[in-house]
Amino acid sequence: MRVLHVLCDLSSGGAERLVLELCRRRAPDIEVAVATVAGLGPLEGLFREAGVTVVRGGRPPKHPGVRALTRLAGAMRGVDVVHTHLFAGDTWGRLAALVARAVHSGGTPRIVTTEHNVNRDETWQRHVKRALAPVSDAIVCVSEAAAAYTRDVEGIRAPLRVVPNGVDLSRFGPHRGGDGTRVLAIGRRVPQKGFDVLVAALPEWMHLDIVGEGPWRVEHPRVRYLGRREDVPALLAGADILAVPSRWEGFGLAAAEGLAAGVAVVASDVDGLREVVGEAGVLVPPEDPAALRAALIRLSGSPPLRVALGVSGRARARGRFDILETVRRYEALYRQLAVGCSGGEDGTGAVRFPP
């Protein structure tokens, strides 16, 4: 079976890292390739190390993507399943699939689309998603929250499958922690992630490290910007608290990694974060610096509470967010589609795979 993943680029976000894990852990009978709509990015080397063919679409910014569309359609020749991700990948990938179906002889690829976020900042994009939804043979959401948003807000009426994201549990060793003064945050430095709220909430005796790239930045004597890092498990092992103050999240991969690492997690009580963290962390209202500050003070002053949350977090991650199970479910879907099968649907409109 041949599977082609379509992304905007190979940046280091959660969707791109999920695709990398799907490629790394593929079954022996599955060949994989990745095609981008625009450029490449920092994960290109890791994809190539995993033996993945990378096709660059090359759509110039703010210009029609004729070249990207042509390259994507060409990359789909002989492919069994095309798996699209994020708005640019979903849009151009599905348009290219229509072209491929029209011009390629032989079998036509089946289309899987994954909704990775709740995208509360989207406007006109929702109309594009509704128009292209019928092109997809299966639409997957990374959480129940993302499925509800896709159905109720974005107006997608097709059956939705729910496959939670996963993390590589083997990467996370014993948690060391410290004196309760070290806070870690992970994610793109954009408004969605709420890092401005976190900086405003930071108690005077605490220090914050922010891992990730992006345009947002404010100078603060107790805040360090570490940029993109490949040693996140080590950083989590040494942190006392992982803060995830997002304004919205479809899933919250950073929170799942924090649970797996056994670090105490404090997160916004929104969308997928509520679903990921559950009772294994502390949830606070979004955009509320006072509530976040109170939670940080509480965790900072209570080592037993941090340890207890770390233990329950590890158990939750093992039971719900193992990347091996995520890969198994996606590959089961690929095989269903390849033989023309579909899963069963429950009353909520979301298709779930058997355990």
Protein backbone atom coordinates (compact mmCIF):
# COMPACT_ATOMS: atom_id res chain seq x y z
CA MET A 1 0.00 0.00 0.00
CA ARG A 2 1.25 3.48 -0.88
CA VAL A 3 0.29 6.47 1.29
CA LEU A 4 1.00 10.11 0.47
CA HIS A 5 0.76 12.74 3.25
CA VAL A 6 0.11 16.35 2.18
CA LEU A 7 1.19 19.25 4.42
CA CYS A 8 1.78 22.95 3.91
CA ASP A 9 5.42 22.54 4.92
CA LEU A 10 7.63 20.54 7.28
CA SER A 11 7.63 22.89 10.25
CA SER A 12 7.76 21.49 13.77
CA GLY A 13 4.12 21.76 14.81
CA GLY A 14 1.98 19.00 16.25
CA ALA A 15 0.44 17.96 12.93
CA GLU A 16 3.83 17.70 11.23
CA ARG A 17 5.20 15.64 14.10
CA LEU A 18 2.21 13.30 13.96
CA VAL A 19 2.89 12.72 10.27
CA LEU A 20 6.55 12.06 11.07
CA GLU A 21 5.54 9.40 13.60
CA LEU A 22 3.08 7.82 11.16
CA CYS A 23 5.92 7.56 8.67
CA ARG A 24 8.53 6.31 11.13
CA ARG A 25 6.27 3.61 12.57
CA ARG A 26 4.58 2.46 9.38
CA ALA A 27 3.86 -1.20 8.84
CA PRO A 28 6.34 -3.08 6.60
CA ASP A 29 3.84 -3.31 3.74
CA ILE A 30 3.16 0.45 3.66
CA GLU A 31 5.23 2.84 1.54
CA VAL A 32 5.01 6.50 2.50
CA ALA A 33 5.84 9.84 0.91
CA VAL A 34 5.23 13.43 1.99
CA ALA A 35 4.33 16.29 -0.33
CA THR A 36 4.27 19.93 0.71
CA VAL A 37 2.18 22.74 -0.73
CA ALA A 38 4.75 25.48 -0.11
CA GLY A 39 8.26 24.98 1.22
CA LEU A 40 10.05 22.46 3.39
CA GLY A 41 11.20 23.19 6.95
CA PRO A 42 13.19 21.99 9.95
CA LEU A 43 11.71 18.47 9.96
CA GLU A 44 12.83 17.69 6.41
CA GLY A 45 15.99 15.92 7.59
CA LEU A 46 14.07 13.72 10.03
CA PHE A 47 11.65 12.67 7.31
CA ARG A 48 14.49 11.78 4.97
CA GLU A 49 16.29 9.87 7.76
CA ALA A 50 13.11 7.80 8.12
CA GLY A 51 13.34 6.84 4.44
CA VAL A 52 10.46 9.08 3.38
CA THR A 53 10.34 10.57 -0.11
CA VAL A 54 9.72 14.32 0.13
CA VAL A 55 8.06 16.25 -2.74
CA ARG A 56 8.11 20.03 -2.53
CA GLY A 57 5.05 21.73 -3.97
CA GLY A 58 6.55 25.20 -4.20
CA ARG A 59 3.48 27.45 -4.11
CA PRO A 60 4.73 31.07 -3.97
CA PRO A 61 3.15 33.14 -1.16
CA LYS A 62 0.04 35.09 -2.23
CA HIS A 63 0.08 33.62 -5.75
CA PRO A 64 -2.01 30.90 -7.42
CA GLY A 65 -0.50 27.50 -6.76
CA VAL A 66 -0.58 26.05 -10.27
CA ARG A 67 2.90 24.60 -9.87
CA ALA A 68 2.08 23.14 -6.47
CA LEU A 69 -1.18 21.68 -7.79
CA THR A 70 0.61 20.05 -10.71
CA ARG A 71 3.35 18.58 -8.53
CA LEU A 72 0.87 17.31 -5.96
CA ALA A 73 -1.30 15.67 -8.60
CA GLY A 74 1.79 14.07 -10.13
CA ALA A 75 2.89 12.75 -6.75
CA MET A 76 -0.46 10.99 -6.40
CA ARG A 77 0.13 8.70 -9.38
CA GLY A 78 -0.04 5.09 -8.17
CA VAL A 79 -0.93 6.13 -4.60
CA ASP A 80 -3.60 4.20 -2.72
CA VAL A 81 -4.36 6.73 0.04
CA VAL A 82 -3.78 10.50 0.17
CA HIS A 83 -3.79 11.84 3.74
CA THR A 84 -4.17 15.63 4.01
CA HIS A 85 -3.37 17.81 7.04
CA LEU A 86 -4.07 21.41 8.11
CA PHE A 87 -5.88 23.99 5.99
CA ALA A 88 -3.32 24.41 3.20
CA GLY A 89 -2.64 20.68 2.95
CA ASP A 90 -6.35 19.84 3.09
CA THR A 91 -7.29 22.41 0.46
CA TRP A 92 -4.53 21.93 -2.10
CA GLY A 93 -4.30 18.21 -1.42
CA ARG A 94 -7.98 17.66 -2.17
CA LEU A 95 -7.90 19.89 -5.23
CA ALA A 96 -4.89 17.96 -6.49
CA ALA A 97 -6.71 14.70 -5.82
CA LEU A 98 -9.55 15.86 -8.05
CA VAL A 99 -7.02 16.60 -10.78
CA ALA A 100 -5.32 13.24 -10.25
CA ARG A 101 -8.63 11.41 -10.46
CA ALA A 102 -9.39 13.17 -13.73
CA VAL A 103 -6.08 12.64 -15.53
CA HIS A 104 -4.49 9.48 -14.10
CA SER A 105 -5.37 6.12 -15.54
CA GLY A 106 -5.92 3.14 -13.29
CA GLY A 107 -7.10 3.29 -9.69
CA THR A 108 -7.85 6.59 -7.96
CA PRO A 109 -6.52 7.39 -4.48
CA ARG A 110 -8.82 7.45 -1.48
CA ILE A 111 -8.67 10.68 0.52
CA VAL A 112 -8.26 10.95 4.31
CA THR A 113 -8.42 14.40 5.90
CA THR A 114 -7.44 15.06 9.52
CA GLU A 115 -8.83 18.03 11.44
CA HIS A 116 -6.06 18.91 13.91
CA ASN A 117 -7.52 22.02 15.56
CA VAL A 118 -10.71 23.91 16.33
CA ASN A 119 -9.48 26.97 14.38
CA ARG A 120 -11.54 29.64 16.14
CA ASP A 121 -9.73 32.35 14.16
CA GLU A 122 -10.96 31.06 10.80
CA THR A 123 -13.63 32.88 8.77
CA TRP A 124 -13.76 32.29 5.00
CA GLN A 125 -11.78 29.08 5.43
CA ARG A 126 -14.90 27.38 6.77
CA HIS A 127 -16.65 27.85 3.43
CA VAL A 128 -13.70 26.19 1.67
CA LYS A 129 -13.79 23.27 4.10
CA ARG A 130 -17.52 22.72 3.57
CA ALA A 131 -17.12 22.85 -0.20
CA LEU A 132 -14.27 20.32 -0.24
CA ALA A 133 -15.57 17.96 2.46
CA PRO A 134 -17.31 15.67 -0.09
CA VAL A 135 -13.93 15.02 -1.75
CA SER A 136 -12.69 13.22 1.38
CA ASP A 137 -13.52 9.56 1.82
CA ALA A 138 -12.89 9.92 5.55
CA ILE A 139 -12.55 12.92 7.88
CA VAL A 140 -10.66 12.26 11.10
CA CYS A 141 -10.66 14.52 14.16
CA VAL A 142 -7.96 14.42 16.83
CA SER A 143 -10.43 14.70 19.71
CA GLU A 144 -14.12 14.64 20.52
CA ALA A 145 -13.90 18.42 20.96
CA ALA A 146 -12.47 18.84 17.47
CA ALA A 147 -15.21 16.59 16.08
CA ALA A 148 -17.93 18.64 17.78
CA TYR A 149 -16.46 21.88 16.47
CA THR A 150 -16.07 20.50 12.96
CA ARG A 151 -19.68 19.36 12.95
CA ASP A 152 -21.44 22.16 14.85
CA VAL A 153 -19.42 25.27 13.97
CA GLU A 154 -17.79 24.47 10.64
CA GLY A 155 -20.91 22.74 9.39
CA ILE A 156 -19.30 19.55 8.08
CA ARG A 157 -22.09 16.98 7.81
CA ALA A 158 -20.00 14.00 6.74
CA PRO A 159 -19.41 11.20 9.27
CA LEU A 160 -16.41 12.00 11.48
CA ARG A 161 -13.91 9.54 12.89
CA VAL A 162 -12.09 10.31 16.15
CA VAL A 163 -8.46 9.19 16.47
CA PRO A 164 -6.63 10.90 19.37
CA ASN A 165 -3.07 12.03 18.79
CA GLY A 166 -0.34 10.09 20.54
CA VAL A 167 3.14 10.56 21.93
CA ASP A 168 6.17 8.31 22.02
CA LEU A 169 6.00 7.17 25.63
CA SER A 170 9.47 5.64 25.45
CA ARG A 171 11.07 9.10 25.10
CA PHE A 172 10.10 10.17 28.61
CA GLY A 173 12.21 8.99 31.52
CA PRO A 174 11.97 9.68 35.27
CA HIS A 175 10.84 13.15 36.24
CA ARG A 176 13.32 15.06 38.41
CA GLY A 177 11.74 18.45 38.94
CA GLY A 178 13.19 20.96 41.37
CA ASP A 179 12.19 23.51 43.94
CA GLY A 180 8.87 24.52 42.40
CA THR A 181 10.15 27.62 40.62
CA ARG A 182 10.63 26.34 37.04
CA VAL A 183 7.75 26.65 34.59
CA LEU A 184 7.93 25.34 31.03
CA ALA A 185 5.67 26.19 28.07
CA ILE A 186 5.81 24.60 24.60
CA GLY A 187 4.24 25.77 21.37
CA ARG A 188 4.25 28.24 18.52
CA ARG A 189 4.52 31.80 19.77
CA VAL A 190 1.18 32.96 18.35
CA PRO A 191 -1.94 34.42 20.02
CA GLN A 192 -3.71 31.06 20.16
CA LYS A 193 -1.19 29.72 22.66
CA GLY A 194 -1.85 32.42 25.28
CA PHE A 195 1.75 32.94 26.32
CA ASP A 196 0.97 36.61 26.99
CA VAL A 197 -1.48 35.46 29.68
CA LEU A 198 1.16 33.17 31.17
CA VAL A 199 3.80 35.91 31.37
CA ALA A 200 1.28 38.23 33.03
CA ALA A 201 0.44 35.49 35.56
CA LEU A 202 4.01 34.50 36.42
CA PRO A 203 4.68 34.82 40.19
CA GLU A 204 7.72 36.84 41.21
CA TRP A 205 9.80 33.87 42.33
CA MET A 206 9.15 31.69 39.29
CA HIS A 207 11.08 31.41 36.01
CA LEU A 208 9.58 30.54 32.64
CA ASP A 209 11.15 28.84 29.62
CA ILE A 210 9.18 28.96 26.35
CA VAL A 211 10.05 26.39 23.68
CA GLY A 212 8.92 27.17 20.17
CA GLU A 213 9.19 29.66 17.35
CA GLY A 214 6.93 32.47 16.23
CA PRO A 215 6.46 36.22 16.09
CA TRP A 216 5.19 36.90 19.62
CA ARG A 217 7.76 37.95 22.18
CA VAL A 218 7.86 40.28 25.17
CA GLU A 219 11.01 41.02 27.13
CA HIS A 220 10.85 39.86 30.75
CA PRO A 221 13.71 39.29 33.21
CA ARG A 222 12.46 35.83 34.21
CA VAL A 223 11.41 34.55 30.78
CA ARG A 224 13.72 32.74 28.35
CA TYR A 225 12.85 31.99 24.73
CA LEU A 226 14.55 28.73 23.77
CA GLY A 227 13.33 28.49 20.17
CA ARG A 228 12.92 25.12 18.52
CA ARG A 229 14.38 22.27 20.57
CA GLU A 230 14.75 18.55 20.00
CA ASP A 231 15.38 17.77 23.70
CA VAL A 232 11.85 18.43 24.94
CA PRO A 233 11.76 15.25 27.08
CA ALA A 234 14.86 16.42 28.97
CA LEU A 235 13.37 19.89 29.44
CA LEU A 236 10.15 18.38 30.77
CA ALA A 237 12.08 16.13 33.14
CA GLY A 238 13.69 19.16 34.76
CA ALA A 239 10.60 21.39 34.90
CA ASP A 240 8.35 21.70 37.94
CA ILE A 241 5.23 22.74 36.03
CA LEU A 242 4.14 22.61 32.40
CA ALA A 243 1.79 25.50 31.60
CA VAL A 244 -0.53 25.26 28.59
CA PRO A 245 -2.51 28.55 28.61
CA SER A 246 -4.02 28.23 25.11
CA ARG A 247 -7.07 30.17 24.06
CA TRP A 248 -8.21 27.15 22.05
CA GLU A 249 -6.83 23.71 21.15
CA GLY A 250 -8.10 20.84 19.08
CA PHE A 251 -5.95 18.44 21.10
CA GLY A 252 -2.93 19.87 22.92
CA LEU A 253 0.10 17.73 22.13
CA ALA A 254 2.28 19.63 24.61
CA ALA A 255 -0.14 18.75 27.39
CA ALA A 256 -0.07 15.07 26.41
CA GLU A 257 3.74 15.15 26.44
CA GLY A 258 3.68 16.76 29.88
CA LEU A 259 1.43 14.01 31.20
CA ALA A 260 3.72 11.36 29.71
CA ALA A 261 6.75 13.01 31.32
CA GLY A 262 5.17 13.00 34.78
CA VAL A 263 5.31 16.77 35.20
CA ALA A 264 2.45 18.68 36.85
CA VAL A 265 0.30 20.26 34.14
CA VAL A 266 -1.79 23.41 34.45
CA ALA A 267 -3.86 24.16 31.34
CA SER A 268 -6.72 26.28 30.08
CA ASP A 269 -10.12 24.69 30.47
CA VAL A 270 -10.87 24.72 26.73
CA ASP A 271 -11.75 22.32 23.91
CA GLY A 272 -9.28 19.49 23.48
CA LEU A 273 -7.14 20.47 26.49
CA ARG A 274 -10.00 19.62 28.82
CA GLU A 275 -10.26 16.26 27.10
CA VAL A 276 -6.51 15.55 27.19
CA VAL A 277 -5.75 16.67 30.76
CA GLY A 278 -8.92 15.56 32.52
CA GLU A 279 -8.37 15.13 36.26
CA ALA A 280 -4.63 14.49 35.83
CA GLY A 281 -3.84 18.21 35.87
CA VAL A 282 -5.14 21.60 36.97
CA LEU A 283 -7.57 23.36 34.63
CA VAL A 284 -8.14 27.13 34.80
CA PRO A 285 -10.34 29.52 32.81
CA PRO A 286 -8.70 30.80 29.60
CA GLU A 287 -7.44 34.38 29.40
CA ASP A 288 -7.55 34.72 33.20
CA PRO A 289 -4.10 35.68 34.55
CA ALA A 290 -5.35 35.78 38.14
CA ALA A 291 -6.68 32.21 38.02
CA LEU A 292 -3.53 30.97 36.29
CA ARG A 293 -1.34 32.75 38.83
CA ALA A 294 -3.27 31.17 41.70
CA ALA A 295 -2.80 27.71 40.18
CA LEU A 296 0.94 28.28 39.69
CA ILE A 297 1.30 29.43 43.31
CA ARG A 298 -0.62 26.39 44.53
CA LEU A 299 1.53 23.97 42.55
CA SER A 300 4.76 25.77 43.41
CA GLY A 301 4.08 25.46 47.13
CA SER A 302 2.97 21.82 47.16
CA PRO A 303 5.56 19.19 46.13
CA PRO A 304 3.17 16.35 47.10
CA LEU A 305 0.52 17.72 44.75
CA ARG A 306 3.02 17.98 41.92
CA VAL A 307 4.13 14.39 42.50
CA ALA A 308 0.54 13.12 42.64
CA LEU A 309 -0.36 14.87 39.41
CA GLY A 310 2.76 13.49 37.78
CA VAL A 311 1.79 9.94 38.70
CA SER A 312 -1.79 10.30 37.48
CA GLY A 313 -0.56 12.06 34.33
CA ARG A 314 1.72 9.18 33.38
CA ALA A 315 -1.11 6.70 33.88
CA ARG A 316 -3.46 8.78 31.73
CA ALA A 317 -0.89 9.09 28.95
CA ARG A 318 -0.21 5.34 28.95
CA GLY A 319 -3.90 4.56 28.76
CA ARG A 320 -4.96 7.12 26.16
CA PHE A 321 -2.11 8.65 24.17
CA ASP A 322 0.32 5.95 23.07
CA ILE A 323 1.55 6.80 19.56
CA LEU A 324 1.58 3.09 18.66
CA GLU A 325 -2.20 2.97 19.09
CA THR A 326 -2.61 6.14 17.03
CA VAL A 327 -0.61 4.61 14.18
CA ARG A 328 -2.57 1.36 14.42
CA ARG A 329 -5.88 3.18 14.09
CA TYR A 330 -4.79 5.25 11.10
CA GLU A 331 -3.41 2.23 9.31
CA ALA A 332 -6.64 0.34 10.00
CA LEU A 333 -8.48 3.20 8.33
CA TYR A 334 -6.13 3.15 5.32
CA ARG A 335 -6.76 -0.56 4.87
CA GLN A 336 -10.53 -0.14 5.22
CA LEU A 337 -10.54 2.49 2.52
CA ALA A 338 -8.22 0.55 0.26
CA VAL A 339 -10.68 -2.32 0.14
CA GLY A 340 -13.74 -0.06 0.01
CA CYS A 341 -14.87 -0.61 3.57
CA SER A 342 -16.13 1.99 6.06
CA GLY A 343 -16.49 2.00 9.81
CA GLY A 344 -19.70 1.99 11.80
CA GLU A 345 -21.27 5.22 12.95
CA ASP A 346 -22.86 5.98 16.29
CA GLY A 347 -25.58 8.47 17.12
CA THR A 348 -23.17 11.40 17.48
CA GLY A 349 -21.98 11.27 13.89
CA ALA A 350 -18.46 10.23 14.91
CA VAL A 351 -17.06 6.88 13.82
CA ARG A 352 -14.96 5.07 16.42
CA PHE A 353 -12.62 2.18 15.91
CA PRO A 354 -12.89 -0.99 17.97
CA PRO A 355 -10.28 -1.40 20.73
